[in-house]
Amino acid sequence: MAKKITISVDEEVLQRARVVAAIRRTSVSELVRGFLKGLAEDEQPVEKHEAR
């Protein structure tokens, strides 16, 4: 089940994200979801970071 989150960004960043989302025929939420998913997939498991 997806969890809702709240973030704060500068108005200019939000406006530009809306333009990008419109060009891609998606939503800002979907852009953020995809970014976070990619970030999580690229990141090493937490256990490896804690071992350092």
PDB file of N, CA and C in Angstrom:
ATOM      1  N   MET A   1       0.836  -1.178   0.000  1.00  0.00           N
ATOM      2  CA  MET A   1       0.000   0.000   0.000  1.00  0.00           C
ATOM      3  C   MET A   1       0.886   1.249   0.000  1.00  0.00           C
ATOM      4  N   ALA A   2       0.563   2.183  -0.840  1.00  0.00           N
ATOM      5  CA  ALA A   2       1.347   3.414  -0.944  1.00  0.00           C
ATOM      6  C   ALA A   2       1.075   4.320   0.256  1.00  0.00           C
ATOM      7  N   LYS A   3       2.116   4.984   0.714  1.00  0.00           N
ATOM      8  CA  LYS A   3       2.008   5.944   1.808  1.00  0.00           C
ATOM      9  C   LYS A   3       2.057   7.351   1.247  1.00  0.00           C
ATOM     10  N   LYS A   4       1.286   8.237   1.812  1.00  0.00           N
ATOM     11  CA  LYS A   4       1.314   9.636   1.409  1.00  0.00           C
ATOM     12  C   LYS A   4       2.382  10.356   2.219  1.00  0.00           C
ATOM     13  N   ILE A   5       3.101  11.277   1.566  1.00  0.00           N
ATOM     14  CA  ILE A   5       4.085  12.092   2.254  1.00  0.00           C
ATOM     15  C   ILE A   5       3.835  13.552   1.899  1.00  0.00           C
ATOM     16  N   THR A   6       4.337  14.425   2.731  1.00  0.00           N
ATOM     17  CA  THR A   6       4.240  15.858   2.472  1.00  0.00           C
ATOM     18  C   THR A   6       5.648  16.405   2.391  1.00  0.00           C
ATOM     19  N   ILE A   7       5.928  17.190   1.352  1.00  0.00           N
ATOM     20  CA  ILE A   7       7.241  17.813   1.205  1.00  0.00           C
ATOM     21  C   ILE A   7       7.061  19.303   0.956  1.00  0.00           C
ATOM     22  N   SER A   8       8.094  20.045   1.194  1.00  0.00           N
ATOM     23  CA  SER A   8       8.102  21.477   0.907  1.00  0.00           C
ATOM     24  C   SER A   8       9.184  21.757  -0.120  1.00  0.00           C
ATOM     25  N   VAL A   9       8.809  22.494  -1.163  1.00  0.00           N
ATOM     26  CA  VAL A   9       9.763  22.891  -2.198  1.00  0.00           C
ATOM     27  C   VAL A   9       9.501  24.345  -2.558  1.00  0.00           C
ATOM     28  N   ASP A  10      10.496  24.989  -3.114  1.00  0.00           N
ATOM     29  CA  ASP A  10      10.321  26.361  -3.574  1.00  0.00           C
ATOM     30  C   ASP A  10       9.268  26.404  -4.668  1.00  0.00           C
ATOM     31  N   GLU A  11       8.539  27.502  -4.726  1.00  0.00           N
ATOM     32  CA  GLU A  11       7.478  27.668  -5.720  1.00  0.00           C
ATOM     33  C   GLU A  11       8.002  27.490  -7.145  1.00  0.00           C
ATOM     34  N   GLU A  12       9.186  28.034  -7.419  1.00  0.00           N
ATOM     35  CA  GLU A  12       9.768  27.916  -8.761  1.00  0.00           C
ATOM     36  C   GLU A  12      10.043  26.464  -9.113  1.00  0.00           C
ATOM     37  N   VAL A  13      10.533  25.697  -8.159  1.00  0.00           N
ATOM     38  CA  VAL A  13      10.809  24.273  -8.390  1.00  0.00           C
ATOM     39  C   VAL A  13       9.500  23.544  -8.698  1.00  0.00           C
ATOM     40  N   LEU A  14       8.462  23.845  -7.936  1.00  0.00           N
ATOM     41  CA  LEU A  14       7.172  23.198  -8.168  1.00  0.00           C
ATOM     42  C   LEU A  14       6.626  23.556  -9.542  1.00  0.00           C
ATOM     43  N   GLN A  15       6.714  24.803  -9.933  1.00  0.00           N
ATOM     44  CA  GLN A  15       6.219  25.220 -11.249  1.00  0.00           C
ATOM     45  C   GLN A  15       6.955  24.500 -12.374  1.00  0.00           C
ATOM     46  N   ARG A  16       8.271  24.397 -12.247  1.00  0.00           N
ATOM     47  CA  ARG A  16       9.055  23.700 -13.273  1.00  0.00           C
ATOM     48  C   ARG A  16       8.725  22.215 -13.302  1.00  0.00           C
ATOM     49  N   ALA A  17       8.509  21.624 -12.123  1.00  0.00           N
ATOM     50  CA  ALA A  17       8.130  20.208 -12.050  1.00  0.00           C
ATOM     51  C   ALA A  17       6.775  19.986 -12.707  1.00  0.00           C
ATOM     52  N   ARG A  18       5.851  20.921 -12.530  1.00  0.00           N
ATOM     53  CA  ARG A  18       4.537  20.803 -13.176  1.00  0.00           C
ATOM     54  C   ARG A  18       4.666  20.847 -14.691  1.00  0.00           C
ATOM     55  N   VAL A  19       5.553  21.693 -15.199  1.00  0.00           N
ATOM     56  CA  VAL A  19       5.778  21.768 -16.640  1.00  0.00           C
ATOM     57  C   VAL A  19       6.339  20.449 -17.149  1.00  0.00           C
ATOM     58  N   VAL A  20       7.344  19.923 -16.450  1.00  0.00           N
ATOM     59  CA  VAL A  20       7.941  18.643 -16.851  1.00  0.00           C
ATOM     60  C   VAL A  20       6.880  17.541 -16.817  1.00  0.00           C
ATOM     61  N   ALA A  21       6.072  17.523 -15.767  1.00  0.00           N
ATOM     62  CA  ALA A  21       5.023  16.508 -15.650  1.00  0.00           C
ATOM     63  C   ALA A  21       4.027  16.622 -16.807  1.00  0.00           C
ATOM     64  N   ALA A  22       3.650  17.840 -17.148  1.00  0.00           N
ATOM     65  CA  ALA A  22       2.706  18.040 -18.250  1.00  0.00           C
ATOM     66  C   ALA A  22       3.295  17.553 -19.568  1.00  0.00           C
ATOM     67  N   ILE A  23       4.563  17.878 -19.802  1.00  0.00           N
ATOM     68  CA  ILE A  23       5.230  17.438 -21.031  1.00  0.00           C
ATOM     69  C   ILE A  23       5.254  15.912 -21.101  1.00  0.00           C
ATOM     70  N   ARG A  24       5.490  15.275 -19.972  1.00  0.00           N
ATOM     71  CA  ARG A  24       5.564  13.810 -19.920  1.00  0.00           C
ATOM     72  C   ARG A  24       4.195  13.159 -19.738  1.00  0.00           C
ATOM     73  N   ARG A  25       3.147  13.969 -19.662  1.00  0.00           N
ATOM     74  CA  ARG A  25       1.776  13.482 -19.469  1.00  0.00           C
ATOM     75  C   ARG A  25       1.656  12.612 -18.222  1.00  0.00           C
ATOM     76  N   THR A  26       2.158  13.170 -17.118  1.00  0.00           N
ATOM     77  CA  THR A  26       2.096  12.485 -15.837  1.00  0.00           C
ATOM     78  C   THR A  26       1.847  13.538 -14.763  1.00  0.00           C
ATOM     79  N   SER A  27       2.011  13.172 -13.529  1.00  0.00           N
ATOM     80  CA  SER A  27       1.811  14.101 -12.413  1.00  0.00           C
ATOM     81  C   SER A  27       3.132  14.356 -11.697  1.00  0.00           C
ATOM     82  N   VAL A  28       3.153  15.420 -10.925  1.00  0.00           N
ATOM     83  CA  VAL A  28       4.333  15.696 -10.100  1.00  0.00           C
ATOM     84  C   VAL A  28       4.527  14.546  -9.110  1.00  0.00           C
ATOM     85  N   SER A  29       3.430  14.039  -8.566  1.00  0.00           N
ATOM     86  CA  SER A  29       3.526  12.907  -7.634  1.00  0.00           C
ATOM     87  C   SER A  29       4.196  11.701  -8.291  1.00  0.00           C
ATOM     88  N   GLU A  30       3.851  11.430  -9.534  1.00  0.00           N
ATOM     89  CA  GLU A  30       4.452  10.301 -10.238  1.00  0.00           C
ATOM     90  C   GLU A  30       5.936  10.546 -10.499  1.00  0.00           C
ATOM     91  N   LEU A  31       6.299  11.785 -10.806  1.00  0.00           N
ATOM     92  CA  LEU A  31       7.718  12.120 -10.984  1.00  0.00           C
ATOM     93  C   LEU A  31       8.494  11.871  -9.688  1.00  0.00           C
ATOM     94  N   VAL A  32       7.942  12.324  -8.579  1.00  0.00           N
ATOM     95  CA  VAL A  32       8.598  12.144  -7.276  1.00  0.00           C
ATOM     96  C   VAL A  32       8.669  10.664  -6.932  1.00  0.00           C
ATOM     97  N   ARG A  33       7.574   9.945  -7.158  1.00  0.00           N
ATOM     98  CA  ARG A  33       7.543   8.499  -6.879  1.00  0.00           C
ATOM     99  C   ARG A  33       8.634   7.772  -7.662  1.00  0.00           C
ATOM    100  N   GLY A  34       8.760   8.109  -8.938  1.00  0.00           N
ATOM    101  CA  GLY A  34       9.788   7.482  -9.762  1.00  0.00           C
ATOM    102  C   GLY A  34      11.191   7.833  -9.309  1.00  0.00           C
ATOM    103  N   PHE A  35      11.388   9.098  -8.923  1.00  0.00           N
ATOM    104  CA  PHE A  35      12.697   9.517  -8.430  1.00  0.00           C
ATOM    105  C   PHE A  35      13.068   8.751  -7.165  1.00  0.00           C
ATOM    106  N   LEU A  36      12.147   8.688  -6.215  1.00  0.00           N
ATOM    107  CA  LEU A  36      12.435   7.999  -4.957  1.00  0.00           C
ATOM    108  C   LEU A  36      12.650   6.507  -5.158  1.00  0.00           C
ATOM    109  N   LYS A  37      11.879   5.912  -6.048  1.00  0.00           N
ATOM    110  CA  LYS A  37      12.066   4.491  -6.340  1.00  0.00           C
ATOM    111  C   LYS A  37      13.451   4.243  -6.921  1.00  0.00           C
ATOM    112  N   GLY A  38      13.862   5.071  -7.873  1.00  0.00           N
ATOM    113  CA  GLY A  38      15.188   4.932  -8.459  1.00  0.00           C
ATOM    114  C   GLY A  38      16.285   5.136  -7.439  1.00  0.00           C
ATOM    115  N   LEU A  39      16.109   6.112  -6.569  1.00  0.00           N
ATOM    116  CA  LEU A  39      17.079   6.380  -5.518  1.00  0.00           C
ATOM    117  C   LEU A  39      17.209   5.180  -4.589  1.00  0.00           C
ATOM    118  N   ALA A  40      16.087   4.616  -4.193  1.00  0.00           N
ATOM    119  CA  ALA A  40      16.093   3.466  -3.290  1.00  0.00           C
ATOM    120  C   ALA A  40      16.724   2.248  -3.943  1.00  0.00           C
ATOM    121  N   GLU A  41      16.505   2.067  -5.237  1.00  0.00           N
ATOM    122  CA  GLU A  41      17.071   0.913  -5.936  1.00  0.00           C
ATOM    123  C   GLU A  41      18.573   1.054  -6.135  1.00  0.00           C
ATOM    124  N   ASP A  42      19.057   2.286  -6.301  1.00  0.00           N
ATOM    125  CA  ASP A  42      20.479   2.522  -6.527  1.00  0.00           C
ATOM    126  C   ASP A  42      21.290   2.476  -5.241  1.00  0.00           C
ATOM    127  N   GLU A  43      20.640   2.730  -4.133  1.00  0.00           N
ATOM    128  CA  GLU A  43      21.331   2.839  -2.847  1.00  0.00           C
ATOM    129  C   GLU A  43      21.702   1.461  -2.321  1.00  0.00           C
ATOM    130  N   GLN A  44      22.857   1.383  -1.646  1.00  0.00           N
ATOM    131  CA  GLN A  44      23.272   0.135  -1.025  1.00  0.00           C
ATOM    132  C   GLN A  44      22.355  -0.149   0.160  1.00  0.00           C
ATOM    133  N   PRO A  45      22.211  -1.415   0.507  1.00  0.00           N
ATOM    134  CA  PRO A  45      21.384  -1.743   1.676  1.00  0.00           C
ATOM    135  C   PRO A  45      21.872  -1.012   2.925  1.00  0.00           C
ATOM    136  N   VAL A  46      20.956  -0.685   3.805  1.00  0.00           N
ATOM    137  CA  VAL A  46      21.265   0.064   5.026  1.00  0.00           C
ATOM    138  C   VAL A  46      22.321  -0.653   5.851  1.00  0.00           C
ATOM    139  N   GLU A  47      22.258  -1.970   5.909  1.00  0.00           N
ATOM    140  CA  GLU A  47      23.201  -2.735   6.731  1.00  0.00           C
ATOM    141  C   GLU A  47      24.645  -2.456   6.329  1.00  0.00           C
ATOM    142  N   LYS A  48      24.914  -2.288   5.026  1.00  0.00           N
ATOM    143  CA  LYS A  48      26.276  -2.027   4.569  1.00  0.00           C
ATOM    144  C   LYS A  48      26.734  -0.642   5.012  1.00  0.00           C
ATOM    145  N   HIS A  49      25.832   0.335   5.046  1.00  0.00           N
ATOM    146  CA  HIS A  49      26.184   1.672   5.498  1.00  0.00           C
ATOM    147  C   HIS A  49      26.467   1.682   6.993  1.00  0.00           C
ATOM    148  N   GLU A  50      25.713   0.917   7.747  1.00  0.00           N
ATOM    149  CA  GLU A  50      25.893   0.889   9.199  1.00  0.00           C
ATOM    150  C   GLU A  50      27.186   0.193   9.598  1.00  0.00           C
ATOM    151  N   ALA A  51      27.708  -0.701   8.757  1.00  0.00           N
ATOM    152  CA  ALA A  51      28.911  -1.452   9.085  1.00  0.00           C
ATOM    153  C   ALA A  51      30.157  -0.563   9.007  1.00  0.00           C
ATOM    154  N   ARG A  52      30.070   0.568   8.345  1.00  0.00           N
ATOM    155  CA  ARG A  52      31.244   1.431   8.176  1.00  0.00           C
ATOM    156  C   ARG A  52      31.607   2.168   9.413  1.00  0.00           C
TER     157      ARG A  52
END
